[in-house]
């Protein structure tokens, strides 16, 4: 159903109503300190969930079924997760160091490796309802290289669902249809760069303002660079699924930071 919500507070009320229908949820109430947060009690466990990202996602993709999206959102933190991650479920996404540091402060031992500039390749389990960070214990007997190989092999299967939106003219928005959280990881695939080399034959500018979108611009074009900066500013104000406020370049296959 294509629902519309006046604001995030109204959306939170809708999510709370959906939560209260779930078995195992003892309590779901608004957090008076933040219109985006819900306090949840499940048995002896209590937690707080934030609906900012899903609210923003539905605003960005208005044709998506809101009821199904909310169902997935709820399952992402209420359904039990399997301990061992299958090779078929391993993927790679791009995150910045701030995200990795935050995850580690939470006590999560995430498998990751540096990409370039302040960006990191984070390995995750691509589950039906969520992306879950992978810890070494989730892939027993595998080293980082084998995890990387499995992740890239799985992501290549999604190249057939690659969408290129060139409405920006000076650049192109790329995303993976039906699995947008894989979009940033496209920059890890040689096959992706080969597929766009006619449009972008040399070095490029890369903007990753959100976790579910990849913007590529012509390098050396001052108008394209200015557009990329404006795009990042607008996305930051939207405040959902944020990844990086910085602009990057790909030079000779290496990712480097663009100076302000």
Protein backbone atom coordinates (compact mmCIF):
# COMPACT_ATOMS: atom_id res chain seq x y z
CA UNK A 1 0.00 0.00 0.00
CA UNK A 2 1.38 3.41 -0.99
CA UNK A 3 0.96 5.26 2.30
CA UNK A 4 1.95 8.86 2.91
CA UNK A 5 2.95 10.36 6.25
CA UNK A 6 2.79 14.01 7.27
CA UNK A 7 6.00 13.87 9.31
CA UNK A 8 8.29 11.50 11.16
CA UNK A 9 6.21 11.70 14.34
CA UNK A 10 3.14 10.39 12.49
CA UNK A 11 5.27 7.71 10.89
CA UNK A 12 6.59 6.66 14.30
CA UNK A 13 3.03 6.18 15.55
CA UNK A 14 2.33 3.89 12.61
CA UNK A 15 5.47 1.84 13.34
CA UNK A 16 4.55 1.62 17.04
CA UNK A 17 1.12 0.26 16.09
CA UNK A 18 2.79 -2.36 13.86
CA UNK A 19 5.25 -3.29 16.62
CA UNK A 20 2.47 -3.87 19.14
CA UNK A 21 0.99 -6.52 16.84
CA UNK A 22 4.22 -8.54 16.87
CA UNK A 23 4.52 -11.60 19.13
CA UNK A 24 7.30 -11.19 21.66
CA UNK A 25 7.00 -7.39 21.84
CA UNK A 26 5.93 -6.55 25.39
CA UNK A 27 6.05 -2.79 25.00
CA UNK A 28 6.63 -0.20 22.27
CA UNK A 29 6.36 3.44 23.27
CA UNK A 30 7.59 6.76 21.95
CA UNK A 31 10.79 8.28 23.26
CA UNK A 32 9.73 11.72 24.47
CA UNK A 33 13.24 13.10 23.84
CA UNK A 34 13.27 12.32 20.09
CA UNK A 35 10.34 12.10 17.61
CA UNK A 36 12.22 9.44 15.62
CA UNK A 37 12.89 6.97 18.43
CA UNK A 38 10.86 4.13 19.94
CA UNK A 39 11.59 2.35 23.21
CA UNK A 40 10.99 -1.40 22.93
CA UNK A 41 10.85 -4.16 25.54
CA UNK A 42 11.10 -7.82 24.48
CA UNK A 43 11.13 -10.09 27.51
CA UNK A 44 14.10 -9.08 29.65
CA UNK A 45 15.69 -7.05 26.85
CA UNK A 46 15.08 -3.37 26.21
CA UNK A 47 16.27 -1.38 23.22
CA UNK A 48 15.65 1.80 21.28
CA UNK A 49 15.06 1.88 17.54
CA UNK A 50 15.30 4.93 15.30
CA UNK A 51 12.93 5.30 12.32
CA UNK A 52 14.85 8.16 10.66
CA UNK A 53 16.42 6.03 7.92
CA UNK A 54 13.32 4.07 6.96
CA UNK A 55 11.21 7.26 6.94
CA UNK A 56 13.75 8.93 4.66
CA UNK A 57 13.99 5.84 2.46
CA UNK A 58 10.22 5.76 1.87
CA UNK A 59 10.32 9.46 1.06
CA UNK A 60 13.08 8.89 -1.49
CA UNK A 61 11.34 5.84 -3.00
CA UNK A 62 7.63 6.79 -2.85
CA UNK A 63 6.50 3.84 -4.99
CA UNK A 64 7.74 1.31 -2.42
CA UNK A 65 5.13 -0.53 -0.36
CA UNK A 66 5.34 1.13 3.08
CA UNK A 67 3.67 -1.76 4.91
CA UNK A 68 6.16 -4.30 3.56
CA UNK A 69 9.09 -1.97 4.25
CA UNK A 70 7.97 -1.57 7.85
CA UNK A 71 7.56 -5.34 8.21
CA UNK A 72 11.17 -5.81 7.04
CA UNK A 73 12.34 -3.07 9.37
CA UNK A 74 10.70 -4.74 12.36
CA UNK A 75 12.05 -8.18 11.46
CA UNK A 76 15.55 -6.72 11.14
CA UNK A 77 15.80 -6.29 14.91
CA UNK A 78 13.28 -8.82 16.24
CA UNK A 79 14.06 -11.96 14.20
CA UNK A 80 16.81 -14.22 15.59
CA UNK A 81 20.01 -14.18 13.53
CA UNK A 82 21.91 -17.30 12.55
CA UNK A 83 25.42 -17.58 13.95
CA UNK A 84 27.30 -18.88 10.90
CA UNK A 85 27.12 -16.81 7.71
CA UNK A 86 26.89 -18.73 4.44
CA UNK A 87 29.27 -17.82 1.61
CA UNK A 88 26.21 -17.00 -0.48
CA UNK A 89 25.19 -14.22 1.93
CA UNK A 90 28.50 -12.35 2.20
CA UNK A 91 28.66 -8.91 0.56
CA UNK A 92 30.86 -5.81 0.78
CA UNK A 93 29.67 -2.28 1.41
CA UNK A 94 31.53 1.00 1.75
CA UNK A 95 31.58 2.82 5.06
CA UNK A 96 33.75 5.55 6.55
CA UNK A 97 36.08 5.16 9.50
CA UNK A 98 33.60 6.94 11.78
CA UNK A 99 31.08 4.13 11.20
CA UNK A 100 33.67 1.42 11.85
CA UNK A 101 34.81 3.12 15.05
CA UNK A 102 31.20 3.42 16.20
CA UNK A 103 30.50 -0.26 15.54
CA UNK A 104 33.63 -1.32 17.42
CA UNK A 105 32.70 0.90 20.39
CA UNK A 106 29.46 -1.09 20.54
CA UNK A 107 31.55 -4.23 20.99
CA UNK A 108 30.95 -5.59 17.48
CA UNK A 109 34.01 -7.20 15.89
CA UNK A 110 33.36 -6.33 12.25
CA UNK A 111 35.46 -7.73 9.39
CA UNK A 112 36.75 -4.80 7.37
CA UNK A 113 39.75 -3.45 5.48
CA UNK A 114 40.85 0.02 4.32
CA UNK A 115 39.87 1.16 0.82
CA UNK A 116 41.44 4.57 0.50
CA UNK A 117 41.06 8.07 1.98
CA UNK A 118 38.79 7.61 5.03
CA UNK A 119 36.74 4.84 3.40
CA UNK A 120 36.58 1.22 4.53
CA UNK A 121 35.30 -2.00 2.98
CA UNK A 122 32.93 -3.55 5.50
CA UNK A 123 31.83 -7.17 5.08
CA UNK A 124 28.22 -7.93 5.92
CA UNK A 125 25.62 -10.66 5.78
CA UNK A 126 22.98 -9.75 3.21
CA UNK A 127 19.91 -11.07 5.00
CA UNK A 128 16.32 -10.74 3.71
CA UNK A 129 15.54 -7.99 6.19
CA UNK A 130 18.85 -6.35 7.03
CA UNK A 131 22.56 -5.93 6.46
CA UNK A 132 24.42 -7.38 9.45
CA UNK A 133 28.13 -6.79 10.13
CA UNK A 134 30.18 -9.99 9.92
CA UNK A 135 32.60 -10.88 12.71
CA UNK A 136 35.42 -13.43 12.31
CA UNK A 137 33.44 -15.91 14.44
CA UNK A 138 30.60 -15.76 11.87
CA UNK A 139 32.87 -17.21 9.14
CA UNK A 140 34.99 -19.83 10.95
CA UNK A 141 37.96 -21.15 8.99
CA UNK A 142 37.94 -18.28 6.47
CA UNK A 143 40.61 -15.63 6.12
CA UNK A 144 39.97 -12.10 4.90
CA UNK A 145 40.90 -12.93 1.30
CA UNK A 146 38.34 -15.75 1.06
CA UNK A 147 35.66 -13.52 2.60
CA UNK A 148 36.52 -10.81 0.05
CA UNK A 149 36.33 -13.27 -2.84
CA UNK A 150 32.93 -14.55 -1.72
CA UNK A 151 31.60 -11.00 -1.28
CA UNK A 152 32.67 -9.80 -4.71
CA UNK A 153 31.38 -12.95 -6.41
CA UNK A 154 27.96 -12.41 -4.84
CA UNK A 155 27.89 -8.75 -5.80
CA UNK A 156 28.68 -9.52 -9.43
CA UNK A 157 25.39 -11.43 -9.57
CA UNK A 158 23.58 -8.14 -8.94
CA UNK A 159 25.17 -6.25 -11.84
CA UNK A 160 22.21 -7.25 -14.00
CA UNK A 161 20.06 -5.08 -11.68
CA UNK A 162 22.26 -2.02 -12.03
CA UNK A 163 20.30 1.18 -12.69
CA UNK A 164 21.95 4.27 -14.20
CA UNK A 165 20.05 7.53 -13.74
CA UNK A 166 21.61 10.32 -15.82
CA UNK A 167 19.16 13.12 -15.00
CA UNK A 168 22.05 15.06 -13.45
CA UNK A 169 23.67 15.28 -16.91
CA UNK A 170 27.04 16.21 -15.41
CA UNK A 171 27.06 12.91 -13.57
CA UNK A 172 25.20 9.64 -13.11
CA UNK A 173 23.45 8.09 -10.12
CA UNK A 174 24.03 4.34 -9.92
CA UNK A 175 22.12 1.97 -7.66
CA UNK A 176 21.23 -1.70 -7.44
CA UNK A 177 17.53 -2.22 -7.96
CA UNK A 178 15.85 -4.23 -5.15
CA UNK A 179 19.04 -4.17 -3.07
CA UNK A 180 20.12 -0.55 -2.91
CA UNK A 181 22.47 -1.07 0.04
CA UNK A 182 24.85 -2.83 -2.37
CA UNK A 183 25.19 0.31 -4.47
CA UNK A 184 28.29 1.77 -2.82
CA UNK A 185 30.17 -1.53 -3.16
CA UNK A 186 29.93 -1.30 -6.95
CA UNK A 187 33.18 0.68 -6.92
CA UNK A 188 34.99 -2.51 -5.84
CA UNK A 189 34.09 -4.36 -9.03
CA UNK A 190 36.30 -4.16 -12.12
CA UNK A 191 33.22 -5.22 -14.09
CA UNK A 192 31.36 -2.12 -12.96
CA UNK A 193 34.13 0.23 -14.06
CA UNK A 194 34.39 -1.56 -17.40
CA UNK A 195 30.63 -1.23 -17.93
CA UNK A 196 30.78 2.57 -17.57
CA UNK A 197 34.11 3.28 -19.28
CA UNK A 198 32.42 4.68 -22.39
CA UNK A 199 30.69 7.33 -20.28
CA UNK A 200 33.64 7.76 -17.87
CA UNK A 201 36.84 6.76 -19.69
CA UNK A 202 39.30 8.27 -17.21
CA UNK A 203 39.53 9.44 -13.62
CA UNK A 204 36.23 10.27 -11.94
CA UNK A 205 34.74 12.11 -8.98
CA UNK A 206 32.79 9.93 -6.54
CA UNK A 207 30.11 11.10 -4.10
CA UNK A 208 28.76 8.72 -1.48
CA UNK A 209 26.45 10.92 0.59
CA UNK A 210 24.08 8.03 1.33
CA UNK A 211 24.66 4.34 1.99
CA UNK A 212 22.32 3.31 -0.83
CA UNK A 213 23.51 5.53 -3.69
CA UNK A 214 26.64 5.98 -5.80
CA UNK A 215 27.22 9.17 -7.78
CA UNK A 216 29.91 9.35 -10.46
CA UNK A 217 30.97 12.65 -12.08
CA UNK A 218 33.48 13.67 -14.74
CA UNK A 219 36.79 14.51 -13.11
CA UNK A 220 38.27 17.90 -13.86
CA UNK A 221 34.88 19.53 -14.58
CA UNK A 222 34.42 22.40 -12.13
CA UNK A 223 30.65 22.50 -12.72
CA UNK A 224 30.40 18.77 -11.95
CA UNK A 225 32.43 19.23 -8.77
CA UNK A 226 30.18 22.09 -7.64
CA UNK A 227 27.08 20.00 -8.37
CA UNK A 228 28.51 17.10 -6.37
CA UNK A 229 29.15 19.40 -3.41
CA UNK A 230 25.58 20.75 -3.55
CA UNK A 231 24.23 17.21 -3.76
CA UNK A 232 26.17 16.23 -0.64
CA UNK A 233 24.88 19.28 1.22
CA UNK A 234 21.25 18.52 0.32
CA UNK A 235 21.62 14.88 1.31
CA UNK A 236 23.17 15.81 4.64
CA UNK A 237 20.18 18.03 5.39
CA UNK A 238 17.84 15.13 4.54
CA UNK A 239 19.64 13.24 7.34
CA UNK A 240 19.03 9.58 6.55
CA UNK A 241 21.28 6.71 5.52
CA UNK A 242 24.18 9.15 5.64
CA UNK A 243 27.59 7.83 4.63
CA UNK A 244 30.05 10.63 3.88
CA UNK A 245 30.05 14.43 3.51
CA UNK A 246 33.32 14.22 1.58
CA UNK A 247 34.06 14.00 -2.12
CA UNK A 248 36.46 11.42 -3.57
CA UNK A 249 38.38 10.77 -6.76
CA UNK A 250 39.36 7.56 -8.45
CA UNK A 251 42.83 8.03 -9.91
CA UNK A 252 44.48 5.13 -11.67
CA UNK A 253 42.21 2.73 -9.78
CA UNK A 254 42.94 4.25 -6.34
CA UNK A 255 40.42 6.09 -4.17
CA UNK A 256 41.68 9.43 -2.82
CA UNK A 257 40.09 12.33 -0.98
CA UNK A 258 39.29 15.57 -2.82
CA UNK A 259 40.58 18.58 -0.90
CA UNK A 260 38.02 21.22 0.07
